[in-house]
Amino acid sequence: MTDSPLKVWRERDDRLLRLRLNRPKANVIDAEMIASLDAAFTDVGDVNAVLLDHDGPHFSFGASVEEHLPAQCAEMLKGLHALIKKMLACPVPVLVSVKGQCLGGGLEVAMAGHMIFSAKDAMLGQPEIKLAVFAPAASCLLPRLVAHQQAADLLYSGRSISGERAAEIGLAVSASDDPETAALTYFDDHLSGLSASSLRHAVEAAHGPFRDAVSADLDRVENLYLQDLMTTHDAVEGLQAFVEKRPPQWEHR
């Protein structure tokens, strides 16, 4: 164990970069975790793929609610969105292994990868609307990853779905009892023996338009969140009520 919120190493003859969230059990996506992930994705090096997984029983409970309050939300959101853009621009496949809870900003980070390998009983969701805010990055990612009505269900209700259901709707590439092993097996069987140079060109060809569309849309949604949503009574009330561990008092404005 280290004090860093992120473990970083290489394996598979240095062809696979491993990144592991290292603040169990919640693995909160706070400013320190965002900075560590951002540094790791700045230059992934000469590898064939990246595998992002987690210590502890849960991938992540989500972003820090305290950092969403008005005094900090602009800085936090800009940092998270810069990380999402950097992950989307990763030149090699990013595999993500998910167990337990994968919620809010944690699911946004997972969706910024190329393929999610989920545990069958994992729970994935965007619960932000229950605090009277919305999930900016997920609003750009989910409708492009799954059918529009499936995305609307998750974004508007705030409910979570199982890993098995995530695989059924195409949010995860597979659901198994051991998603880390599934991701490593995928790498060994399908990616490890490829030309890293050609694989990077394949990623640019297939993923480039998705990367560009999501990155541009993030700017629109970030402005909507900061300039419009955070000026409403209920958005601030929902966040404060969560932090203060009390029921929110909606005024519907």
Protein backbone atom coordinates (compact mmCIF):
# COMPACT_ATOMS: atom_id res chain seq x y z
CA MET A 1 0.00 0.00 0.00
CA THR A 2 1.11 3.55 -0.66
CA ASP A 3 -0.20 6.98 0.23
CA SER A 4 -0.91 7.72 -3.42
CA PRO A 5 -4.57 7.57 -4.50
CA LEU A 6 -3.45 5.70 -7.62
CA LYS A 7 -1.17 2.69 -8.08
CA VAL A 8 0.72 2.65 -11.38
CA TRP A 9 2.80 -0.19 -12.84
CA ARG A 10 3.45 -2.17 -16.02
CA GLU A 11 3.15 -5.87 -16.69
CA ARG A 12 2.76 -8.33 -19.56
CA ASP A 13 6.32 -7.62 -20.78
CA ASP A 14 5.65 -3.90 -20.26
CA ARG A 15 2.90 -3.98 -22.90
CA LEU A 16 0.09 -3.26 -20.41
CA LEU A 17 -0.10 -0.15 -18.22
CA ARG A 18 -1.95 -0.88 -14.97
CA LEU A 19 -3.74 1.89 -13.07
CA ARG A 20 -5.50 1.09 -9.81
CA LEU A 21 -7.69 3.40 -7.73
CA ASN A 22 -6.17 3.15 -4.28
CA ARG A 23 -8.51 4.77 -1.77
CA PRO A 24 -10.81 1.94 -0.71
CA LYS A 25 -13.53 1.49 0.09
CA ALA A 26 -15.06 4.52 -1.59
CA ASN A 27 -12.30 5.48 -4.10
CA VAL A 28 -13.84 8.95 -4.23
CA ILE A 29 -13.05 10.89 -7.40
CA ASP A 30 -11.81 14.01 -5.60
CA ALA A 31 -9.25 16.61 -6.67
CA GLU A 32 -6.30 14.44 -5.59
CA MET A 33 -7.57 11.37 -7.43
CA ILE A 34 -8.33 13.44 -10.54
CA ALA A 35 -4.80 14.91 -10.51
CA SER A 36 -3.24 11.45 -10.17
CA LEU A 37 -5.29 10.00 -13.03
CA ASP A 38 -4.59 13.06 -15.17
CA ALA A 39 -0.84 12.61 -14.66
CA ALA A 40 -1.06 8.90 -15.50
CA PHE A 41 -2.91 9.55 -18.76
CA THR A 42 -0.65 12.43 -19.83
CA ASP A 43 1.76 9.95 -21.43
CA VAL A 44 0.88 6.27 -21.27
CA GLY A 45 4.09 5.34 -23.05
CA ASP A 46 4.74 2.60 -25.58
CA VAL A 47 2.08 0.12 -24.50
CA ASN A 48 -0.69 -1.83 -26.21
CA ALA A 49 -3.40 -0.97 -23.68
CA VAL A 50 -4.24 0.47 -20.27
CA LEU A 51 -6.19 -1.41 -17.61
CA LEU A 52 -7.90 0.72 -14.95
CA ASP A 53 -9.27 -1.11 -11.91
CA HIS A 54 -9.55 -0.58 -8.16
CA ASP A 55 -8.55 -1.69 -4.69
CA GLY A 56 -11.37 -2.52 -2.29
CA PRO A 57 -14.86 -3.83 -2.95
CA HIS A 58 -16.10 -0.80 -4.92
CA PHE A 59 -14.83 0.93 -8.04
CA SER A 60 -15.98 4.33 -6.79
CA PHE A 61 -18.83 5.92 -4.87
CA GLY A 62 -18.43 8.94 -7.16
CA ALA A 63 -17.08 12.46 -6.97
CA SER A 64 -16.69 14.40 -3.73
CA VAL A 65 -20.06 16.02 -2.94
CA GLU A 66 -18.31 18.68 -0.85
CA GLU A 67 -16.31 19.71 -3.92
CA HIS A 68 -19.59 20.15 -5.81
CA LEU A 69 -20.73 22.98 -3.53
CA PRO A 70 -20.72 26.45 -5.14
CA ALA A 71 -17.36 27.56 -3.73
CA GLN A 72 -15.48 24.66 -5.35
CA CYS A 73 -17.65 23.23 -8.11
CA ALA A 74 -16.18 25.23 -11.01
CA GLU A 75 -12.62 24.14 -10.25
CA MET A 76 -13.65 20.55 -9.56
CA LEU A 77 -15.78 20.24 -12.69
CA LYS A 78 -13.14 21.72 -14.96
CA GLY A 79 -10.55 19.33 -13.53
CA LEU A 80 -12.78 16.29 -13.96
CA HIS A 81 -13.72 17.26 -17.50
CA ALA A 82 -10.08 17.83 -18.43
CA LEU A 83 -9.39 14.28 -17.20
CA ILE A 84 -12.33 12.88 -19.18
CA LYS A 85 -11.02 14.58 -22.32
CA LYS A 86 -7.52 13.24 -21.70
CA MET A 87 -8.83 9.70 -21.22
CA LEU A 88 -10.91 10.00 -24.40
CA ALA A 89 -7.74 11.05 -26.22
CA CYS A 90 -5.71 8.08 -24.95
CA PRO A 91 -4.06 6.61 -28.08
CA VAL A 92 -4.44 2.97 -26.99
CA PRO A 93 -7.43 0.97 -25.73
CA VAL A 94 -8.43 1.69 -22.13
CA LEU A 95 -9.96 -1.35 -20.42
CA VAL A 96 -11.85 -0.76 -17.17
CA SER A 97 -12.59 -3.43 -14.56
CA VAL A 98 -15.55 -2.68 -12.27
CA LYS A 99 -16.80 -4.38 -9.11
CA GLY A 100 -19.20 -3.19 -6.44
CA GLN A 101 -20.56 0.35 -6.66
CA CYS A 102 -19.59 2.42 -9.70
CA LEU A 103 -21.51 5.64 -9.31
CA GLY A 104 -21.56 9.27 -10.38
CA GLY A 105 -18.13 10.61 -11.24
CA GLY A 106 -16.76 7.08 -10.88
CA LEU A 107 -18.98 5.83 -13.70
CA GLU A 108 -18.09 8.90 -15.77
CA VAL A 109 -14.41 7.98 -15.44
CA ALA A 110 -15.18 4.35 -16.32
CA MET A 111 -17.19 5.40 -19.40
CA ALA A 112 -14.26 7.53 -20.60
CA GLY A 113 -12.43 4.27 -21.22
CA HIS A 114 -13.04 2.12 -24.28
CA MET A 115 -14.46 -1.05 -22.70
CA ILE A 116 -15.95 -1.77 -19.29
CA PHE A 117 -15.59 -5.30 -17.91
CA SER A 118 -18.11 -5.51 -15.09
CA ALA A 119 -18.84 -7.90 -12.27
CA LYS A 120 -22.30 -9.42 -12.64
CA ASP A 121 -23.42 -7.98 -9.32
CA ALA A 122 -21.76 -4.56 -9.70
CA MET A 123 -24.10 -1.58 -9.49
CA LEU A 124 -23.63 1.21 -12.02
CA GLY A 125 -25.52 4.48 -11.96
CA GLN A 126 -25.64 8.26 -12.09
CA PRO A 127 -27.50 9.29 -8.91
CA GLU A 128 -26.78 13.03 -9.23
CA ILE A 129 -30.38 13.97 -10.04
CA LYS A 130 -31.38 12.80 -6.55
CA LEU A 131 -29.31 15.71 -5.21
CA ALA A 132 -31.01 18.08 -7.70
CA VAL A 133 -27.98 18.28 -9.98
CA PHE A 134 -27.19 16.39 -13.18
CA ALA A 135 -24.17 14.41 -14.35
CA PRO A 136 -22.39 16.58 -16.95
CA ALA A 137 -19.92 14.09 -18.45
CA ALA A 138 -22.44 11.25 -18.29
CA SER A 139 -24.95 13.42 -20.14
CA CYS A 140 -22.47 13.50 -23.02
CA LEU A 141 -21.22 9.90 -22.76
CA LEU A 142 -24.26 7.76 -21.96
CA PRO A 143 -26.46 8.74 -24.93
CA ARG A 144 -23.56 7.90 -27.24
CA LEU A 145 -22.81 4.54 -25.60
CA VAL A 146 -26.31 3.08 -25.20
CA ALA A 147 -29.73 3.58 -26.74
CA HIS A 148 -31.07 7.06 -26.07
CA GLN A 149 -34.01 5.87 -23.96
CA GLN A 150 -31.73 3.68 -21.83
CA ALA A 151 -29.50 6.70 -21.21
CA ALA A 152 -32.53 8.86 -20.39
CA ASP A 153 -33.71 6.29 -17.85
CA LEU A 154 -30.41 6.32 -15.96
CA LEU A 155 -29.85 10.09 -16.16
CA TYR A 156 -33.39 11.16 -15.23
CA SER A 157 -34.15 8.57 -12.53
CA GLY A 158 -30.76 8.34 -10.86
CA ARG A 159 -31.27 4.61 -10.39
CA SER A 160 -28.50 2.02 -10.65
CA ILE A 161 -28.40 -1.12 -12.78
CA SER A 162 -26.50 -4.36 -12.31
CA GLY A 163 -23.40 -5.30 -14.24
CA GLU A 164 -25.43 -7.95 -16.04
CA ARG A 165 -27.94 -5.32 -17.16
CA ALA A 166 -25.09 -2.97 -18.14
CA ALA A 167 -23.75 -5.67 -20.46
CA GLU A 168 -27.23 -6.27 -21.92
CA ILE A 169 -27.63 -2.61 -22.93
CA GLY A 170 -24.05 -2.24 -24.17
CA LEU A 171 -22.71 -0.12 -21.33
CA ALA A 172 -20.30 -2.94 -20.43
CA VAL A 173 -18.61 -5.27 -22.87
CA SER A 174 -19.10 -8.23 -20.51
CA ALA A 175 -20.32 -9.21 -17.05
CA SER A 176 -18.55 -11.98 -15.16
CA ASP A 177 -17.64 -13.15 -11.68
CA ASP A 178 -14.06 -11.82 -12.06
CA PRO A 179 -13.89 -8.73 -14.29
CA GLU A 180 -10.15 -8.16 -13.76
CA THR A 181 -9.39 -11.63 -15.07
CA ALA A 182 -11.81 -11.06 -17.94
CA ALA A 183 -10.03 -7.83 -18.89
CA LEU A 184 -6.58 -9.43 -18.63
CA THR A 185 -7.73 -12.41 -20.72
CA TYR A 186 -9.06 -10.02 -23.36
CA PHE A 187 -5.70 -8.25 -23.43
CA ASP A 188 -3.75 -11.53 -23.65
CA ASP A 189 -5.98 -13.02 -26.34
CA HIS A 190 -6.65 -9.98 -28.52
CA LEU A 191 -4.27 -7.06 -27.90
CA SER A 192 -0.91 -8.22 -26.58
CA GLY A 193 0.39 -9.60 -29.86
CA LEU A 194 -0.60 -6.65 -32.03
CA SER A 195 1.59 -3.89 -33.41
CA ALA A 196 1.32 -1.01 -30.93
CA SER A 197 1.83 1.46 -33.77
CA SER A 198 -0.97 0.05 -35.90
CA LEU A 199 -3.24 -0.30 -32.89
CA ARG A 200 -2.88 3.43 -32.22
CA HIS A 201 -3.95 4.18 -35.79
CA ALA A 202 -6.93 1.85 -35.37
CA VAL A 203 -7.95 3.67 -32.17
CA GLU A 204 -7.72 7.05 -33.91
CA ALA A 205 -9.79 5.79 -36.85
CA ALA A 206 -12.58 4.27 -34.76
CA HIS A 207 -12.55 6.44 -31.66
CA GLY A 208 -11.54 9.85 -32.97
CA PRO A 209 -15.03 11.05 -33.98
CA PHE A 210 -16.49 9.89 -30.64
CA ARG A 211 -13.68 11.65 -28.73
CA ASP A 212 -14.20 14.89 -30.62
CA ALA A 213 -17.99 14.88 -30.27
CA VAL A 214 -17.96 14.18 -26.53
CA SER A 215 -15.19 16.72 -25.87
CA ALA A 216 -17.07 19.47 -27.68
CA ASP A 217 -20.34 18.59 -25.96
CA LEU A 218 -18.65 18.67 -22.55
CA ASP A 219 -17.97 22.38 -22.97
CA ARG A 220 -21.67 23.05 -23.63
CA VAL A 221 -22.85 20.96 -20.70
CA GLU A 222 -20.25 22.36 -18.31
CA ASN A 223 -21.49 25.86 -19.07
CA LEU A 224 -25.11 24.76 -18.52
CA TYR A 225 -24.14 23.26 -15.15
CA LEU A 226 -22.10 26.20 -13.85
CA GLN A 227 -24.01 29.14 -15.33
CA ASP A 228 -27.58 27.87 -15.09
CA LEU A 229 -28.04 24.89 -12.79
CA MET A 230 -25.87 26.19 -9.95
CA THR A 231 -27.83 29.43 -9.79
CA THR A 232 -30.98 27.55 -8.77
CA HIS A 233 -32.16 27.12 -5.19
CA ASP A 234 -32.75 23.38 -5.41
CA ALA A 235 -29.31 22.45 -6.78
CA VAL A 236 -27.53 24.11 -3.87
CA GLU A 237 -30.12 22.82 -1.38
CA GLY A 238 -29.74 19.23 -2.58
CA LEU A 239 -25.97 19.26 -2.17
CA GLN A 240 -26.08 20.99 1.19
CA ALA A 241 -28.74 18.62 2.48
CA PHE A 242 -26.58 15.63 1.52
CA VAL A 243 -23.53 17.06 3.26
CA GLU A 244 -25.60 17.95 6.34
CA LYS A 245 -27.30 14.51 6.32
CA ARG A 246 -30.86 15.87 6.27
CA PRO A 247 -33.82 15.64 3.89
CA PRO A 248 -33.78 18.34 1.19
CA GLN A 249 -36.46 20.99 1.06
CA TRP A 250 -37.31 21.52 -2.61
CA GLU A 251 -38.74 24.83 -3.77
CA HIS A 252 -38.80 23.66 -7.41
CA ARG A 253 -36.79 26.64 -8.58
